Protein backbone atom coordinates (compact mmCIF):
# COMPACT_ATOMS: atom_id res chain seq x y z
CA UNK A 1 51.50 91.58 72.71
CA UNK A 2 53.89 93.28 75.12
CA UNK A 3 52.66 96.71 74.01
CA UNK A 4 49.05 95.64 74.36
CA UNK A 5 49.66 94.39 77.88
CA UNK A 6 51.53 97.55 78.73
CA UNK A 7 48.68 99.67 77.40
CA UNK A 8 46.13 97.78 79.49
CA UNK A 9 48.35 98.06 82.57
CA UNK A 10 48.71 101.84 82.23
CA UNK A 11 45.01 102.30 81.55
CA UNK A 12 43.96 100.20 84.61
CA UNK A 13 46.36 102.17 86.76
CA UNK A 14 44.67 105.41 85.67
CA UNK A 15 41.18 104.06 86.30
CA UNK A 16 42.07 102.89 89.79
CA UNK A 17 44.00 105.96 90.92
CA UNK A 18 42.01 108.55 92.91
CA UNK A 19 43.46 111.43 90.87
CA UNK A 20 41.39 110.43 87.82
CA UNK A 21 38.46 108.74 89.59
CA UNK A 22 36.26 111.39 88.06
CA UNK A 23 37.30 110.33 84.55
CA UNK A 24 37.30 106.57 85.03
CA UNK A 25 33.70 105.92 83.84
CA UNK A 26 34.37 107.95 80.70
CA UNK A 27 37.36 105.73 79.96
CA UNK A 28 35.04 102.72 79.75
CA UNK A 29 32.99 104.22 76.90
CA UNK A 30 33.68 103.09 73.36
CA UNK A 31 36.45 100.89 71.95
CA UNK A 32 40.24 101.12 72.19
CA UNK A 33 42.72 100.01 69.59
CA UNK A 34 46.47 100.02 69.08
CA UNK A 35 47.12 100.62 65.38
CA UNK A 36 49.64 102.23 63.05
CA UNK A 37 46.71 103.46 60.94
CA UNK A 38 47.08 106.77 62.86
CA UNK A 39 50.26 108.75 63.28
CA UNK A 40 49.84 109.58 66.98
CA UNK A 41 46.58 109.13 68.90
CA UNK A 42 43.02 109.78 67.78
CA UNK A 43 39.40 109.79 68.96
CA UNK A 44 36.09 110.30 67.22
CA UNK A 45 34.44 111.25 70.50
CA UNK A 46 33.61 107.67 71.34
CA UNK A 47 36.41 105.35 70.30
CA UNK A 48 40.16 105.69 70.75
CA UNK A 49 43.05 104.66 68.50
CA UNK A 50 46.69 104.81 69.57
CA UNK A 51 49.85 104.33 67.53
CA UNK A 52 51.95 102.07 69.83
CA UNK A 53 55.21 103.38 68.28
CA UNK A 54 54.20 106.88 69.25
CA UNK A 55 52.72 106.56 72.76
CA UNK A 56 55.40 104.22 74.10
CA UNK A 57 58.44 106.23 72.97
CA UNK A 58 58.62 107.96 76.37
CA UNK A 59 57.42 106.32 79.58
CA UNK A 60 54.32 105.25 81.49
CA UNK A 61 53.50 108.79 82.63
CA UNK A 62 53.57 110.19 79.09
CA UNK A 63 51.49 107.33 77.70
CA UNK A 64 49.04 107.89 80.55
CA UNK A 65 48.88 111.56 79.74
CA UNK A 66 47.92 110.79 76.13
CA UNK A 67 45.22 108.36 77.27
CA UNK A 68 43.73 110.91 79.63
CA UNK A 69 43.93 113.57 76.89
CA UNK A 70 41.86 111.47 74.47
CA UNK A 71 39.24 110.71 77.13
CA UNK A 72 38.91 114.37 78.04
CA UNK A 73 37.93 114.97 74.39
CA UNK A 74 35.22 112.35 74.94
CA UNK A 75 34.06 113.83 78.25
CA UNK A 76 33.68 117.27 76.69
CA UNK A 77 32.08 115.85 73.53
CA UNK A 78 34.37 118.21 71.67
CA UNK A 79 33.87 116.67 68.25
CA UNK A 80 30.13 117.31 68.41
CA UNK A 81 29.75 120.46 70.48
CA UNK A 82 32.45 122.49 68.69
CA UNK A 83 31.80 121.38 65.13
CA UNK A 84 30.88 124.94 64.21
CA UNK A 85 34.19 126.31 65.54
CA UNK A 86 36.03 123.57 63.67
CA UNK A 87 34.34 124.52 60.38
CA UNK A 88 35.29 128.15 61.04
CA UNK A 89 38.98 127.44 61.72
CA UNK A 90 40.05 123.80 62.11
CA UNK A 91 43.52 124.51 63.46
CA UNK A 92 42.47 126.99 66.17
CA UNK A 93 39.55 124.83 67.22
CA UNK A 94 41.88 121.82 67.75
CA UNK A 95 44.30 124.07 69.62
CA UNK A 96 41.58 125.47 71.87
CA UNK A 97 40.35 122.00 72.81
CA UNK A 98 43.90 120.84 73.61
CA UNK A 99 44.70 123.97 75.71
CA UNK A 100 41.47 123.37 77.69
CA UNK A 101 42.39 119.76 78.32
CA UNK A 102 45.93 120.57 79.41
CA UNK A 103 44.71 123.04 82.00
CA UNK A 104 42.35 120.47 83.47
CA UNK A 105 45.03 117.76 83.64
CA UNK A 106 47.44 120.21 85.29
CA UNK A 107 44.82 121.04 87.89
CA UNK A 108 44.20 117.32 88.64
CA UNK A 109 47.84 116.24 88.73
CA UNK A 110 49.95 119.42 89.16
CA UNK A 111 53.05 117.57 90.33
CA UNK A 112 52.90 115.01 87.52
CA UNK A 113 52.71 112.14 90.01
CA UNK A 114 50.71 109.98 87.63
CA UNK A 115 50.84 111.55 84.20
CA UNK A 116 53.21 113.94 82.39
CA UNK A 117 53.01 115.78 79.13
CA UNK A 118 55.46 114.27 76.61
CA UNK A 119 58.69 116.18 75.98
CA UNK A 120 61.32 115.97 73.27
CA UNK A 121 64.97 115.15 73.85
CA UNK A 122 65.66 118.80 74.66
CA UNK A 123 62.94 118.89 77.34
CA UNK A 124 60.49 120.94 75.29
CA UNK A 125 56.87 119.90 75.77
CA UNK A 126 55.13 118.17 72.88
CA UNK A 127 51.64 119.50 73.02
CA UNK A 128 49.81 122.67 74.00
CA UNK A 129 49.90 124.01 77.50
CA UNK A 130 49.50 127.58 78.75
CA UNK A 131 48.66 128.59 82.35
CA UNK A 132 46.92 131.64 80.90
CA UNK A 133 44.02 129.45 79.85
CA UNK A 134 43.30 127.93 83.28
CA UNK A 135 39.56 128.17 83.93
CA UNK A 136 38.73 129.42 80.41
CA UNK A 137 36.07 127.90 78.21
CA UNK A 138 37.00 126.48 74.82
CA UNK A 139 35.06 129.20 73.03
CA UNK A 140 36.92 131.88 74.96
CA UNK A 141 40.27 130.25 74.20
CA UNK A 142 39.28 129.97 70.52
CA UNK A 143 38.35 133.67 70.42
CA UNK A 144 41.69 134.59 72.05
CA UNK A 145 43.69 132.48 69.63
CA UNK A 146 41.73 133.97 66.71
CA UNK A 147 42.37 137.50 67.90
CA UNK A 148 46.09 136.99 68.49
CA UNK A 149 47.01 134.80 65.56
CA UNK A 150 49.77 135.98 63.28
CA UNK A 151 48.60 137.34 59.86
CA UNK A 152 48.97 134.79 57.09
CA UNK A 153 52.07 135.00 54.94
CA UNK A 154 51.91 134.74 51.18
CA UNK A 155 52.45 131.09 50.10
CA UNK A 156 55.49 130.22 48.13
CA UNK A 157 55.02 130.01 44.38
CA UNK A 158 53.25 126.78 43.44
CA UNK A 159 52.01 126.13 47.01
CA UNK A 160 48.54 126.57 48.36
CA UNK A 161 47.99 127.42 52.06
CA UNK A 162 45.99 124.95 54.08
CA UNK A 163 42.44 126.05 54.70
CA UNK A 164 41.99 127.82 57.99
CA UNK A 165 45.71 127.56 58.82
CA UNK A 166 47.77 130.54 59.87
CA UNK A 167 51.40 131.12 59.00
CA UNK A 168 54.27 132.77 60.78
CA UNK A 169 56.00 132.09 64.08
CA UNK A 170 53.74 131.75 67.11
CA UNK A 171 54.27 133.53 70.40
CA UNK A 172 55.60 131.51 73.30
CA UNK A 173 53.07 128.95 74.47
CA UNK A 174 51.27 128.93 71.10
CA UNK A 175 51.22 126.04 68.69
CA UNK A 176 52.14 126.07 65.05
CA UNK A 177 51.57 123.95 62.01
CA UNK A 178 50.51 120.32 62.03
CA UNK A 179 52.53 117.67 63.84
CA UNK A 180 55.06 115.74 61.77
CA UNK A 181 54.38 112.05 61.38
CA UNK A 182 54.81 110.30 64.65
CA UNK A 183 56.37 113.29 66.34
CA UNK A 184 53.52 115.21 67.89
CA UNK A 185 54.62 118.76 67.25
CA UNK A 186 53.94 122.05 69.02
CA UNK A 187 50.40 122.24 67.76
CA UNK A 188 49.42 119.07 69.64
CA UNK A 189 50.28 115.44 69.76
CA UNK A 190 46.98 113.87 68.73
CA UNK A 191 44.57 113.78 65.88
CA UNK A 192 40.89 114.64 66.02
CA UNK A 193 38.64 112.48 63.85
CA UNK A 194 35.96 115.03 63.02
CA UNK A 195 34.84 113.17 59.88
CA UNK A 196 34.03 109.96 61.78
CA UNK A 197 32.21 111.94 64.40
CA UNK A 198 30.04 113.54 61.68
CA UNK A 199 29.17 110.14 60.23
CA UNK A 200 27.56 108.97 63.46
CA UNK A 201 23.82 108.66 63.15
CA UNK A 202 21.46 110.84 65.22
CA UNK A 203 20.62 107.74 67.33
CA UNK A 204 24.36 107.02 67.92
CA UNK A 205 24.92 110.60 68.98
CA UNK A 206 21.95 110.50 71.32
CA UNK A 207 23.18 107.29 72.90
CA UNK A 208 26.73 108.65 73.20
CA UNK A 209 25.47 111.84 74.85
CA UNK A 210 23.47 109.89 77.38
CA UNK A 211 26.42 107.58 78.07
CA UNK A 212 28.79 110.49 78.61
CA UNK A 213 26.35 112.29 80.94
CA UNK A 214 25.83 109.12 82.95
CA UNK A 215 29.61 108.50 83.11
CA UNK A 216 30.25 112.06 84.40
CA UNK A 217 27.70 111.58 87.14
CA UNK A 218 29.17 108.22 88.09
CA UNK A 219 32.64 109.80 88.05
CA UNK A 220 31.51 112.50 90.48
CA UNK A 221 30.24 109.82 92.88
CA UNK A 222 33.46 107.84 92.50
CA UNK A 223 35.57 110.92 93.21
CA UNK A 224 33.61 111.61 96.37
CA UNK A 225 33.92 108.00 97.49
CA UNK A 226 37.66 108.11 96.97
CA UNK A 227 38.04 111.53 98.56
CA UNK A 228 40.19 110.31 101.44
CA UNK A 229 42.57 108.89 98.90
CA UNK A 230 43.26 112.24 97.38
CA UNK A 231 40.56 112.33 94.69
CA UNK A 232 39.18 115.65 93.56
CA UNK A 233 36.94 117.13 90.92
CA UNK A 234 39.78 119.28 89.57
CA UNK A 235 39.00 118.07 86.05
CA UNK A 236 35.77 120.09 86.34
CA UNK A 237 33.60 117.59 84.52
CA UNK A 238 30.57 118.54 86.59
CA UNK A 239 30.10 121.72 84.61
CA UNK A 240 29.70 119.67 81.46
CA UNK A 241 26.48 118.09 82.67
CA UNK A 242 23.38 118.90 80.67
CA UNK A 243 20.74 120.86 82.57
CA UNK A 244 18.59 118.64 84.71
CA UNK A 245 15.66 121.03 85.02
CA UNK A 246 13.46 121.33 81.93
CA UNK A 247 12.88 125.03 82.24
CA UNK A 248 10.15 125.24 79.67
CA UNK A 249 8.13 122.72 81.72
CA UNK A 250 9.05 123.62 85.29
CA UNK A 251 8.73 127.37 84.67
CA UNK A 252 5.68 127.32 82.45
CA UNK A 253 3.31 128.48 85.15
CA UNK A 254 5.84 130.87 86.61
CA UNK A 255 6.64 132.49 83.22
CA UNK A 256 2.99 132.71 82.25
CA UNK A 257 2.31 135.04 85.17
CA UNK A 258 5.50 137.05 84.76
CA UNK A 259 5.67 137.60 80.98
CA UNK A 260 5.29 141.31 80.27
CA UNK A 261 5.62 141.06 76.50
CA UNK A 262 2.37 140.01 74.79
CA UNK A 263 3.35 139.17 71.24
CA UNK A 264 1.59 135.99 70.07
CA UNK A 265 -2.14 135.44 69.42
CA UNK A 266 -3.90 132.21 70.20
CA UNK A 267 -7.41 130.85 69.54
CA UNK A 268 -7.17 128.41 72.37
CA UNK A 269 -8.62 130.99 74.73
CA UNK A 270 -11.06 133.50 73.22
CA UNK A 271 -10.66 137.17 74.17
CA UNK A 272 -13.32 137.88 76.80
CA UNK A 273 -13.59 141.56 75.82
CA UNK A 274 -15.44 140.65 72.60
CA UNK A 275 -17.57 137.68 73.80
CA UNK A 276 -20.47 139.90 74.90
CA UNK A 277 -21.00 140.93 71.24
CA UNK A 278 -20.87 137.32 70.04
CA UNK A 279 -17.49 138.04 68.44
CA UNK A 280 -14.74 135.51 68.88
CA UNK A 281 -11.26 137.01 68.82
CA UNK A 282 -7.88 135.47 69.82
CA UNK A 283 -6.04 136.30 73.03
CA UNK A 284 -2.58 137.75 73.01
CA UNK A 285 -0.08 135.72 75.11
CA UNK A 286 3.53 136.23 76.05
CA UNK A 287 6.25 133.89 74.77
CA UNK A 288 9.25 135.92 75.97
CA UNK A 289 10.41 137.95 78.99
CA UNK A 290 11.54 141.49 78.65
CA UNK A 291 13.90 141.41 81.64
CA UNK A 292 14.89 138.51 83.88
CA UNK A 293 17.32 138.60 86.81
CA UNK A 294 19.22 135.36 87.30
CA UNK A 295 21.07 135.42 90.62
CA UNK A 296 23.75 132.80 91.37
CA UNK A 297 24.77 131.99 94.93
CA UNK A 298 28.62 132.05 95.12
CA UNK A 299 28.96 131.69 98.90
CA UNK A 300 31.46 129.29 100.41
CA UNK A 301 28.89 126.52 101.02
CA UNK A 302 28.22 126.31 97.27
CA UNK A 303 31.71 124.88 96.61
CA UNK A 304 31.73 122.10 99.18
CA UNK A 305 30.13 119.66 96.74
CA UNK A 306 28.81 120.21 93.21
CA UNK A 307 25.98 122.72 93.93
CA UNK A 308 27.78 125.47 92.01
CA UNK A 309 28.25 123.32 88.92
CA UNK A 310 24.58 122.29 88.97
CA UNK A 311 23.38 125.88 89.19
CA UNK A 312 25.72 127.09 86.42
CA UNK A 313 24.40 124.28 84.20
CA UNK A 314 20.86 125.42 84.85
CA UNK A 315 21.70 129.01 83.90
CA UNK A 316 23.09 127.60 80.68
CA UNK A 317 19.88 125.71 79.99
CA UNK A 318 17.72 128.68 80.91
CA UNK A 319 19.67 130.95 78.48
CA UNK A 320 19.19 128.42 75.66
CA UNK A 321 15.53 127.55 76.23
CA UNK A 322 13.84 130.83 77.22
CA UNK A 323 13.52 133.85 74.99
CA UNK A 324 14.86 136.73 77.11
CA UNK A 325 15.32 140.29 75.86
CA UNK A 326 17.64 141.22 78.71
CA UNK A 327 19.24 139.05 81.37
CA UNK A 328 20.62 140.56 84.57
CA UNK A 329 23.20 138.09 85.92
CA UNK A 330 24.08 138.66 89.57
CA UNK A 331 26.65 136.78 91.64
CA UNK A 332 26.00 137.12 95.37
CA UNK A 333 27.14 135.75 98.74
CA UNK A 334 26.91 138.07 101.74
CA UNK A 335 26.65 140.90 99.25
CA UNK A 336 26.37 141.37 95.50
CA UNK A 337 29.83 140.54 94.25
CA UNK A 338 29.36 141.06 90.51
CA UNK A 339 26.65 142.29 88.14
CA UNK A 340 26.55 141.54 84.38
CA UNK A 341 23.95 142.26 81.67
CA UNK A 342 23.30 140.23 78.54
CA UNK A 343 20.92 140.91 75.67
CA UNK A 344 19.54 138.59 73.01
CA UNK A 345 22.61 139.26 70.84
CA UNK A 346 25.11 138.35 73.57
CA UNK A 347 23.19 135.79 75.67
CA UNK A 348 24.34 132.79 73.61
CA UNK A 349 27.97 133.43 74.58
CA UNK A 350 27.47 134.48 78.24
CA UNK A 351 29.48 131.52 79.58
CA UNK A 352 32.66 132.58 77.81
CA UNK A 353 32.39 136.17 79.08
CA UNK A 354 31.08 135.84 82.64
CA UNK A 355 33.46 136.39 85.54
CA UNK A 356 32.09 134.77 88.73
CA UNK A 357 33.30 136.20 92.02
CA UNK A 358 32.47 135.30 95.62
CA UNK A 359 33.23 132.79 98.40
CA UNK A 360 31.90 134.71 101.44
CA UNK A 361 28.82 134.35 103.63
CA UNK A 362 25.25 133.76 102.47
CA UNK A 363 22.57 136.47 102.55
CA UNK A 364 20.11 136.53 99.60
CA UNK A 365 18.44 139.65 101.00
CA UNK A 366 21.32 141.58 99.46
CA UNK A 367 19.85 140.91 96.00
CA UNK A 368 16.46 142.74 96.30
CA UNK A 369 18.28 145.54 98.11
CA UNK A 370 20.72 145.79 95.23
CA UNK A 371 17.94 145.75 92.62
CA UNK A 372 16.19 148.59 94.42
CA UNK A 373 19.38 150.60 94.83
CA UNK A 374 20.37 150.24 91.20
CA UNK A 375 16.81 150.73 89.96
CA UNK A 376 16.79 147.40 88.19
CA UNK A 377 13.17 146.34 87.53
CA UNK A 378 13.07 142.79 86.10
CA UNK A 379 9.83 141.04 85.26
CA UNK A 380 10.97 138.20 87.52
CA UNK A 381 13.95 136.95 89.59
CA UNK A 382 15.42 133.44 89.68
CA UNK A 383 17.58 132.73 92.71
CA UNK A 384 19.91 129.71 92.35
CA UNK A 385 21.25 128.55 95.73
CA UNK A 386 21.83 125.60 98.02
CA UNK A 387 19.23 127.11 100.37
CA UNK A 388 21.55 127.28 103.40
CA UNK A 389 20.38 130.72 104.37
CA UNK A 390 18.64 132.47 107.29
CA UNK A 391 17.29 135.62 105.66
CA UNK A 392 15.30 135.40 102.46
CA UNK A 393 14.81 139.07 101.75
CA UNK A 394 11.85 141.34 100.92
CA UNK A 395 10.77 141.18 97.30
CA UNK A 396 8.61 143.50 95.21
CA UNK A 397 8.66 141.28 92.09
CA UNK A 398 7.99 137.58 91.42
CA UNK A 399 10.86 135.35 92.64
CA UNK A 400 11.60 131.69 91.93
CA UNK A 401 14.02 129.79 94.17
CA UNK A 402 15.95 126.96 92.46
CA UNK A 403 17.45 125.11 95.40
CA UNK A 404 19.95 122.24 95.28
CA UNK A 405 19.33 121.02 98.85
CA UNK A 406 16.29 118.74 99.10
CA UNK A 407 13.71 119.60 101.74
CA UNK A 408 14.42 123.33 101.94
CA UNK A 409 11.53 125.57 100.94
CA UNK A 410 11.76 129.31 100.64
CA UNK A 411 9.15 131.16 102.70
CA UNK A 412 8.65 133.68 99.91
CA UNK A 413 8.02 133.14 96.18
CA UNK A 414 8.02 129.76 94.40
CA UNK A 415 10.49 126.94 95.06
CA UNK A 416 11.75 124.16 92.80
CA UNK A 417 14.52 121.71 93.62
CA UNK A 418 17.47 121.04 91.35
CA UNK A 419 18.75 117.50 91.11
CA UNK A 420 21.93 117.14 93.12
CA UNK A 421 24.43 114.29 92.59
């Protein structure tokens, strides 16, 4: 009973503190249990189980760290989103998720005022932490770990190596092996219940996804409300939001007039060229775009709230939902700060390779000037911005403005408004 009361006390303290106001709604999802059925701590993406003998062997800060860690797995929906990486290499996938979480917790509580990573009696951290991975995506961390892992050693006679597990000594900051019972270990101090996550029904997964999205949005509002108390969005949960604009619906009319690649025939609209001869033939329509320029505003005003996170989420949705042969990704503020190109073979991983740069003034006219200068001729341009601009530029191709600020309409091209928390 004492341990149960202590667990509740620590958890309530975390929920009420401004540092983790952003995570508080996530912490209310699912069930929590203290049980020796697990060695350390565990989540299936919805529910949490903690071994009381494990989490209370240090102090309140360390127990709090473990609780936050499990809930960050839930916020990122790691056990659903990264199932493919887990099947490819279970150990490295678990490590990548833990490195990602550690970097977010460090950003939110850098001085360990509220939580602290557990350490052994010699002061060595129990868990995975590496400043190198700050700001990295899980896929990018996974790829880095995969590239730099030590080659597997031959197993001793009579022993079989664990599937997907590497051997050898890791470099500094890298994890190794599986944690010993109740001791955490350098490869992480928690367990990830992938099997239970897989057993959830489609309806359960849908409900969980909706609950997590709703909790992230509530957390963003809570963090803003508690701002004077020191709250922040350092955990970066805003970028985990699913796209709010249904691009296939919102852009249907826009894409129809900008598609340059006619590749699919339809009988819904007969071809007029043959009607005069009483011949009915299908019309060719476009279902994909040869070249699209997606231009992200990275001026200072984009980072005052969550406009940047919203726009990046929409680029993610656009990349998934539209068939694009070539995507020109441009980051701009007062000038074009960075230009990247992705094709169909690389577009699915753009988020792990992109390198945003900016923070200056706001002048979207620099984009059409850059396109002309570099002789880039997209079928259409999508400008993602908060709309706090004075010059809109001169365009010689169709342009769609996706604006986060309600009420602002671009004087040129088409405007849609992105939902802003």
